[in-house]
Amino acid sequence: METVKGELVVYGKVGEDNRFERIYFKTPSFTNWNGLTYAVLGEIVPDFPLCNKSFNMSYSENDR
């Protein structure tokens, strides 16, 4: 599904009795962390908070 920060993916693993054994979530912040690493390349350390805030990342993977 599409959220404010990007795509939220939910998928599950089904067992022999067609019941969910495991449910997986991939939040937009998880996907966007790679972009942040490229954004801070060549920047000085004090610029990190500005780069980080511009991506509006979720540290606890609780995107709403």
PDB file of N, CA and C in Angstrom:
ATOM      1  N   MET A   1       0.844  -1.157   0.000  1.00  0.00           N
ATOM      2  CA  MET A   1       0.000   0.000   0.000  1.00  0.00           C
ATOM      3  C   MET A   1       0.891   1.222   0.000  1.00  0.00           C
ATOM      4  N   GLU A   2       0.371   2.342  -0.494  1.00  0.00           N
ATOM      5  CA  GLU A   2       1.129   3.582  -0.558  1.00  0.00           C
ATOM      6  C   GLU A   2       0.877   4.401   0.707  1.00  0.00           C
ATOM      7  N   THR A   3       1.963   4.880   1.301  1.00  0.00           N
ATOM      8  CA  THR A   3       1.859   5.733   2.487  1.00  0.00           C
ATOM      9  C   THR A   3       2.457   7.097   2.154  1.00  0.00           C
ATOM     10  N   VAL A   4       2.460   7.990   3.119  1.00  0.00           N
ATOM     11  CA  VAL A   4       2.997   9.326   2.911  1.00  0.00           C
ATOM     12  C   VAL A   4       4.484   9.272   2.556  1.00  0.00           C
ATOM     13  N   LYS A   5       5.227   8.370   3.181  1.00  0.00           N
ATOM     14  CA  LYS A   5       6.673   8.291   2.973  1.00  0.00           C
ATOM     15  C   LYS A   5       7.080   7.320   1.875  1.00  0.00           C
ATOM     16  N   GLY A   6       6.174   6.569   1.339  1.00  0.00           N
ATOM     17  CA  GLY A   6       6.516   5.608   0.297  1.00  0.00           C
ATOM     18  C   GLY A   6       5.674   4.353   0.395  1.00  0.00           C
ATOM     19  N   GLU A   7       6.191   3.284  -0.168  1.00  0.00           N
ATOM     20  CA  GLU A   7       5.441   2.032  -0.253  1.00  0.00           C
ATOM     21  C   GLU A   7       5.632   1.173   0.994  1.00  0.00           C
ATOM     22  N   LEU A   8       4.538   0.680   1.541  1.00  0.00           N
ATOM     23  CA  LEU A   8       4.547  -0.240   2.666  1.00  0.00           C
ATOM     24  C   LEU A   8       4.182  -1.620   2.131  1.00  0.00           C
ATOM     25  N   VAL A   9       5.065  -2.586   2.362  1.00  0.00           N
ATOM     26  CA  VAL A   9       4.857  -3.938   1.856  1.00  0.00           C
ATOM     27  C   VAL A   9       4.595  -4.873   3.033  1.00  0.00           C
ATOM     28  N   VAL A  10       3.543  -5.661   2.928  1.00  0.00           N
ATOM     29  CA  VAL A  10       3.213  -6.655   3.942  1.00  0.00           C
ATOM     30  C   VAL A  10       3.036  -7.989   3.236  1.00  0.00           C
ATOM     31  N   TYR A  11       3.762  -9.006   3.687  1.00  0.00           N
ATOM     32  CA  TYR A  11       3.587 -10.334   3.108  1.00  0.00           C
ATOM     33  C   TYR A  11       3.756 -11.381   4.196  1.00  0.00           C
ATOM     34  N   GLY A  12       3.215 -12.554   3.953  1.00  0.00           N
ATOM     35  CA  GLY A  12       3.225 -13.576   4.983  1.00  0.00           C
ATOM     36  C   GLY A  12       3.649 -14.934   4.470  1.00  0.00           C
ATOM     37  N   LYS A  13       4.086 -15.748   5.397  1.00  0.00           N
ATOM     38  CA  LYS A  13       4.466 -17.127   5.104  1.00  0.00           C
ATOM     39  C   LYS A  13       3.362 -18.023   5.663  1.00  0.00           C
ATOM     40  N   VAL A  14       2.827 -18.869   4.808  1.00  0.00           N
ATOM     41  CA  VAL A  14       1.714 -19.732   5.190  1.00  0.00           C
ATOM     42  C   VAL A  14       2.243 -21.147   5.416  1.00  0.00           C
ATOM     43  N   GLY A  15       1.753 -21.772   6.476  1.00  0.00           N
ATOM     44  CA  GLY A  15       2.165 -23.127   6.802  1.00  0.00           C
ATOM     45  C   GLY A  15       1.307 -24.181   6.127  1.00  0.00           C
ATOM     46  N   GLU A  16       1.491 -25.424   6.545  1.00  0.00           N
ATOM     47  CA  GLU A  16       0.784 -26.553   5.946  1.00  0.00           C
ATOM     48  C   GLU A  16      -0.731 -26.474   6.137  1.00  0.00           C
ATOM     49  N   ASP A  17      -1.172 -25.909   7.240  1.00  0.00           N
ATOM     50  CA  ASP A  17      -2.608 -25.844   7.517  1.00  0.00           C
ATOM     51  C   ASP A  17      -3.228 -24.520   7.043  1.00  0.00           C
ATOM     52  N   ASN A  18      -2.545 -23.840   6.116  1.00  0.00           N
ATOM     53  CA  ASN A  18      -2.995 -22.564   5.553  1.00  0.00           C
ATOM     54  C   ASN A  18      -3.196 -21.471   6.598  1.00  0.00           C
ATOM     55  N   ARG A  19      -2.406 -21.513   7.653  1.00  0.00           N
ATOM     56  CA  ARG A  19      -2.396 -20.449   8.661  1.00  0.00           C
ATOM     57  C   ARG A  19      -1.070 -19.720   8.555  1.00  0.00           C
ATOM     58  N   PHE A  20      -1.085 -18.438   8.873  1.00  0.00           N
ATOM     59  CA  PHE A  20       0.145 -17.665   8.808  1.00  0.00           C
ATOM     60  C   PHE A  20       1.138 -18.140   9.861  1.00  0.00           C
ATOM     61  N   GLU A  21       2.344 -18.450   9.414  1.00  0.00           N
ATOM     62  CA  GLU A  21       3.434 -18.769  10.337  1.00  0.00           C
ATOM     63  C   GLU A  21       4.229 -17.518  10.679  1.00  0.00           C
ATOM     64  N   ARG A  22       4.331 -16.633   9.696  1.00  0.00           N
ATOM     65  CA  ARG A  22       5.127 -15.419   9.879  1.00  0.00           C
ATOM     66  C   ARG A  22       4.570 -14.322   8.979  1.00  0.00           C
ATOM     67  N   ILE A  23       4.534 -13.106   9.488  1.00  0.00           N
ATOM     68  CA  ILE A  23       4.119 -11.956   8.693  1.00  0.00           C
ATOM     69  C   ILE A  23       5.283 -10.969   8.677  1.00  0.00           C
ATOM     70  N   TYR A  24       5.619 -10.474   7.499  1.00  0.00           N
ATOM     71  CA  TYR A  24       6.744  -9.572   7.307  1.00  0.00           C
ATOM     72  C   TYR A  24       6.234  -8.194   6.894  1.00  0.00           C
ATOM     73  N   PHE A  25       6.880  -7.165   7.408  1.00  0.00           N
ATOM     74  CA  PHE A  25       6.572  -5.789   7.044  1.00  0.00           C
ATOM     75  C   PHE A  25       7.843  -5.138   6.512  1.00  0.00           C
ATOM     76  N   LYS A  26       7.731  -4.425   5.436  1.00  0.00           N
ATOM     77  CA  LYS A  26       8.839  -3.631   4.920  1.00  0.00           C
ATOM     78  C   LYS A  26       8.332  -2.204   4.825  1.00  0.00           C
ATOM     79  N   THR A  27       8.793  -1.364   5.738  1.00  0.00           N
ATOM     80  CA  THR A  27       8.301   0.004   5.815  1.00  0.00           C
ATOM     81  C   THR A  27       9.064   0.920   4.863  1.00  0.00           C
ATOM     82  N   PRO A  28       8.500   2.063   4.524  1.00  0.00           N
ATOM     83  CA  PRO A  28       9.189   3.001   3.639  1.00  0.00           C
ATOM     84  C   PRO A  28      10.536   3.462   4.192  1.00  0.00           C
ATOM     85  N   SER A  29      10.629   3.658   5.495  1.00  0.00           N
ATOM     86  CA  SER A  29      11.901   4.106   6.066  1.00  0.00           C
ATOM     87  C   SER A  29      12.994   3.077   5.854  1.00  0.00           C
ATOM     88  N   PHE A  30      12.665   1.800   5.941  1.00  0.00           N
ATOM     89  CA  PHE A  30      13.656   0.756   5.726  1.00  0.00           C
ATOM     90  C   PHE A  30      14.243   0.863   4.322  1.00  0.00           C
ATOM     91  N   THR A  31      13.408   1.126   3.355  1.00  0.00           N
ATOM     92  CA  THR A  31      13.854   1.267   1.974  1.00  0.00           C
ATOM     93  C   THR A  31      14.659   2.546   1.780  1.00  0.00           C
ATOM     94  N   ASN A  32      14.263   3.619   2.437  1.00  0.00           N
ATOM     95  CA  ASN A  32      14.901   4.919   2.230  1.00  0.00           C
ATOM     96  C   ASN A  32      16.228   5.092   2.956  1.00  0.00           C
ATOM     97  N   TRP A  33      16.592   4.198   3.867  1.00  0.00           N
ATOM     98  CA  TRP A  33      17.870   4.332   4.572  1.00  0.00           C
ATOM     99  C   TRP A  33      19.041   4.308   3.592  1.00  0.00           C
ATOM    100  N   ASN A  34      18.935   3.523   2.520  1.00  0.00           N
ATOM    101  CA  ASN A  34      20.015   3.504   1.524  1.00  0.00           C
ATOM    102  C   ASN A  34      20.183   4.867   0.876  1.00  0.00           C
ATOM    103  N   GLY A  35      19.096   5.556   0.627  1.00  0.00           N
ATOM    104  CA  GLY A  35      19.179   6.893   0.035  1.00  0.00           C
ATOM    105  C   GLY A  35      19.875   7.885   0.949  1.00  0.00           C
ATOM    106  N   LEU A  36      19.651   7.756   2.236  1.00  0.00           N
ATOM    107  CA  LEU A  36      20.295   8.651   3.193  1.00  0.00           C
ATOM    108  C   LEU A  36      21.802   8.455   3.187  1.00  0.00           C
ATOM    109  N   THR A  37      22.261   7.221   3.055  1.00  0.00           N
ATOM    110  CA  THR A  37      23.707   6.977   3.048  1.00  0.00           C
ATOM    111  C   THR A  37      24.371   7.665   1.860  1.00  0.00           C
ATOM    112  N   TYR A  38      23.685   7.710   0.724  1.00  0.00           N
ATOM    113  CA  TYR A  38      24.238   8.407  -0.440  1.00  0.00           C
ATOM    114  C   TYR A  38      24.149   9.918  -0.283  1.00  0.00           C
ATOM    115  N   ALA A  39      23.141  10.401   0.404  1.00  0.00           N
ATOM    116  CA  ALA A  39      22.958  11.840   0.573  1.00  0.00           C
ATOM    117  C   ALA A  39      24.046  12.457   1.445  1.00  0.00           C
ATOM    118  N   VAL A  40      24.592  11.703   2.383  1.00  0.00           N
ATOM    119  CA  VAL A  40      25.585  12.265   3.298  1.00  0.00           C
ATOM    120  C   VAL A  40      27.020  12.058   2.819  1.00  0.00           C
ATOM    121  N   LEU A  41      27.211  11.357   1.710  1.00  0.00           N
ATOM    122  CA  LEU A  41      28.568  11.177   1.185  1.00  0.00           C
ATOM    123  C   LEU A  41      29.157  12.534   0.809  1.00  0.00           C
ATOM    124  N   GLY A  42      30.356  12.799   1.279  1.00  0.00           N
ATOM    125  CA  GLY A  42      31.021  14.057   0.960  1.00  0.00           C
ATOM    126  C   GLY A  42      30.590  15.228   1.816  1.00  0.00           C
ATOM    127  N   GLU A  43      29.633  15.030   2.702  1.00  0.00           N
ATOM    128  CA  GLU A  43      29.183  16.102   3.592  1.00  0.00           C
ATOM    129  C   GLU A  43      29.984  16.056   4.890  1.00  0.00           C
ATOM    130  N   ILE A  44      29.981  17.156   5.608  1.00  0.00           N
ATOM    131  CA  ILE A  44      30.659  17.175   6.894  1.00  0.00           C
ATOM    132  C   ILE A  44      29.698  16.678   7.968  1.00  0.00           C
ATOM    133  N   VAL A  45      30.233  16.245   9.089  1.00  0.00           N
ATOM    134  CA  VAL A  45      29.434  15.635  10.149  1.00  0.00           C
ATOM    135  C   VAL A  45      28.293  16.538  10.634  1.00  0.00           C
ATOM    136  N   PRO A  46      28.506  17.853  10.821  1.00  0.00           N
ATOM    137  CA  PRO A  46      27.387  18.691  11.285  1.00  0.00           C
ATOM    138  C   PRO A  46      26.210  18.762  10.318  1.00  0.00           C
ATOM    139  N   ASP A  47      26.400  18.395   9.049  1.00  0.00           N
ATOM    140  CA  ASP A  47      25.292  18.400   8.088  1.00  0.00           C
ATOM    141  C   ASP A  47      24.396  17.173   8.212  1.00  0.00           C
ATOM    142  N   PHE A  48      24.818  16.153   8.949  1.00  0.00           N
ATOM    143  CA  PHE A  48      24.020  14.932   9.046  1.00  0.00           C
ATOM    144  C   PHE A  48      22.619  15.177   9.594  1.00  0.00           C
ATOM    145  N   PRO A  49      22.439  15.952  10.676  1.00  0.00           N
ATOM    146  CA  PRO A  49      21.059  16.166  11.168  1.00  0.00           C
ATOM    147  C   PRO A  49      20.143  16.788  10.121  1.00  0.00           C
ATOM    148  N   LEU A  50      20.669  17.701   9.318  1.00  0.00           N
ATOM    149  CA  LEU A  50      19.856  18.317   8.274  1.00  0.00           C
ATOM    150  C   LEU A  50      19.478  17.294   7.202  1.00  0.00           C
ATOM    151  N   CYS A  51      20.441  16.478   6.768  1.00  0.00           N
ATOM    152  CA  CYS A  51      20.155  15.432   5.777  1.00  0.00           C
ATOM    153  C   CYS A  51      19.158  14.422   6.349  1.00  0.00           C
ATOM    154  N   ASN A  52      19.375  14.036   7.595  1.00  0.00           N
ATOM    155  CA  ASN A  52      18.516  13.054   8.240  1.00  0.00           C
ATOM    156  C   ASN A  52      17.083  13.571   8.353  1.00  0.00           C
ATOM    157  N   LYS A  53      16.932  14.816   8.749  1.00  0.00           N
ATOM    158  CA  LYS A  53      15.583  15.386   8.918  1.00  0.00           C
ATOM    159  C   LYS A  53      14.887  15.557   7.575  1.00  0.00           C
ATOM    160  N   SER A  54      15.634  15.815   6.527  1.00  0.00           N
ATOM    161  CA  SER A  54      15.006  15.989   5.221  1.00  0.00           C
ATOM    162  C   SER A  54      14.410  14.688   4.700  1.00  0.00           C
ATOM    163  N   PHE A  55      14.960  13.552   5.138  1.00  0.00           N
ATOM    164  CA  PHE A  55      14.399  12.259   4.747  1.00  0.00           C
ATOM    165  C   PHE A  55      13.244  11.847   5.662  1.00  0.00           C
ATOM    166  N   ASN A  56      13.147  12.460   6.861  1.00  0.00           N
ATOM    167  CA  ASN A  56      12.070  12.180   7.822  1.00  0.00           C
ATOM    168  C   ASN A  56      11.957  10.678   8.116  1.00  0.00           C
ATOM    169  N   MET A  57      13.087  10.112   8.499  1.00  0.00           N
ATOM    170  CA  MET A  57      13.157   8.664   8.732  1.00  0.00           C
ATOM    171  C   MET A  57      12.551   8.265  10.072  1.00  0.00           C
ATOM    172  N   SER A  58      12.129   7.018  10.132  1.00  0.00           N
ATOM    173  CA  SER A  58      11.613   6.452  11.365  1.00  0.00           C
ATOM    174  C   SER A  58      12.640   5.453  11.884  1.00  0.00           C
ATOM    175  N   TYR A  59      13.146   5.707  13.079  1.00  0.00           N
ATOM    176  CA  TYR A  59      14.170   4.824  13.655  1.00  0.00           C
ATOM    177  C   TYR A  59      13.550   3.528  14.180  1.00  0.00           C
ATOM    178  N   SER A  60      12.307   3.575  14.588  1.00  0.00           N
ATOM    179  CA  SER A  60      11.669   2.393  15.173  1.00  0.00           C
ATOM    180  C   SER A  60      10.824   1.618  14.151  1.00  0.00           C
ATOM    181  N   GLU A  61      10.914   2.023  12.873  1.00  0.00           N
ATOM    182  CA  GLU A  61      10.142   1.391  11.807  1.00  0.00           C
ATOM    183  C   GLU A  61       8.643   1.425  12.094  1.00  0.00           C
ATOM    184  N   ASN A  62       8.197   2.549  12.639  1.00  0.00           N
ATOM    185  CA  ASN A  62       6.786   2.735  12.942  1.00  0.00           C
ATOM    186  C   ASN A  62       6.243   3.876  12.091  1.00  0.00           C
ATOM    187  N   ASP A  63       6.292   3.711  10.763  1.00  0.00           N
ATOM    188  CA  ASP A  63       5.794   4.740   9.862  1.00  0.00           C
ATOM    189  C   ASP A  63       4.283   4.809   9.924  1.00  0.00           C
ATOM    190  N   ARG A  64       3.778   6.019   9.894  1.00  0.00           N
ATOM    191  CA  ARG A  64       2.319   6.179   9.930  1.00  0.00           C
ATOM    192  C   ARG A  64       1.854   6.906   8.712  1.00  0.00           C
TER     193      ARG A  64
END
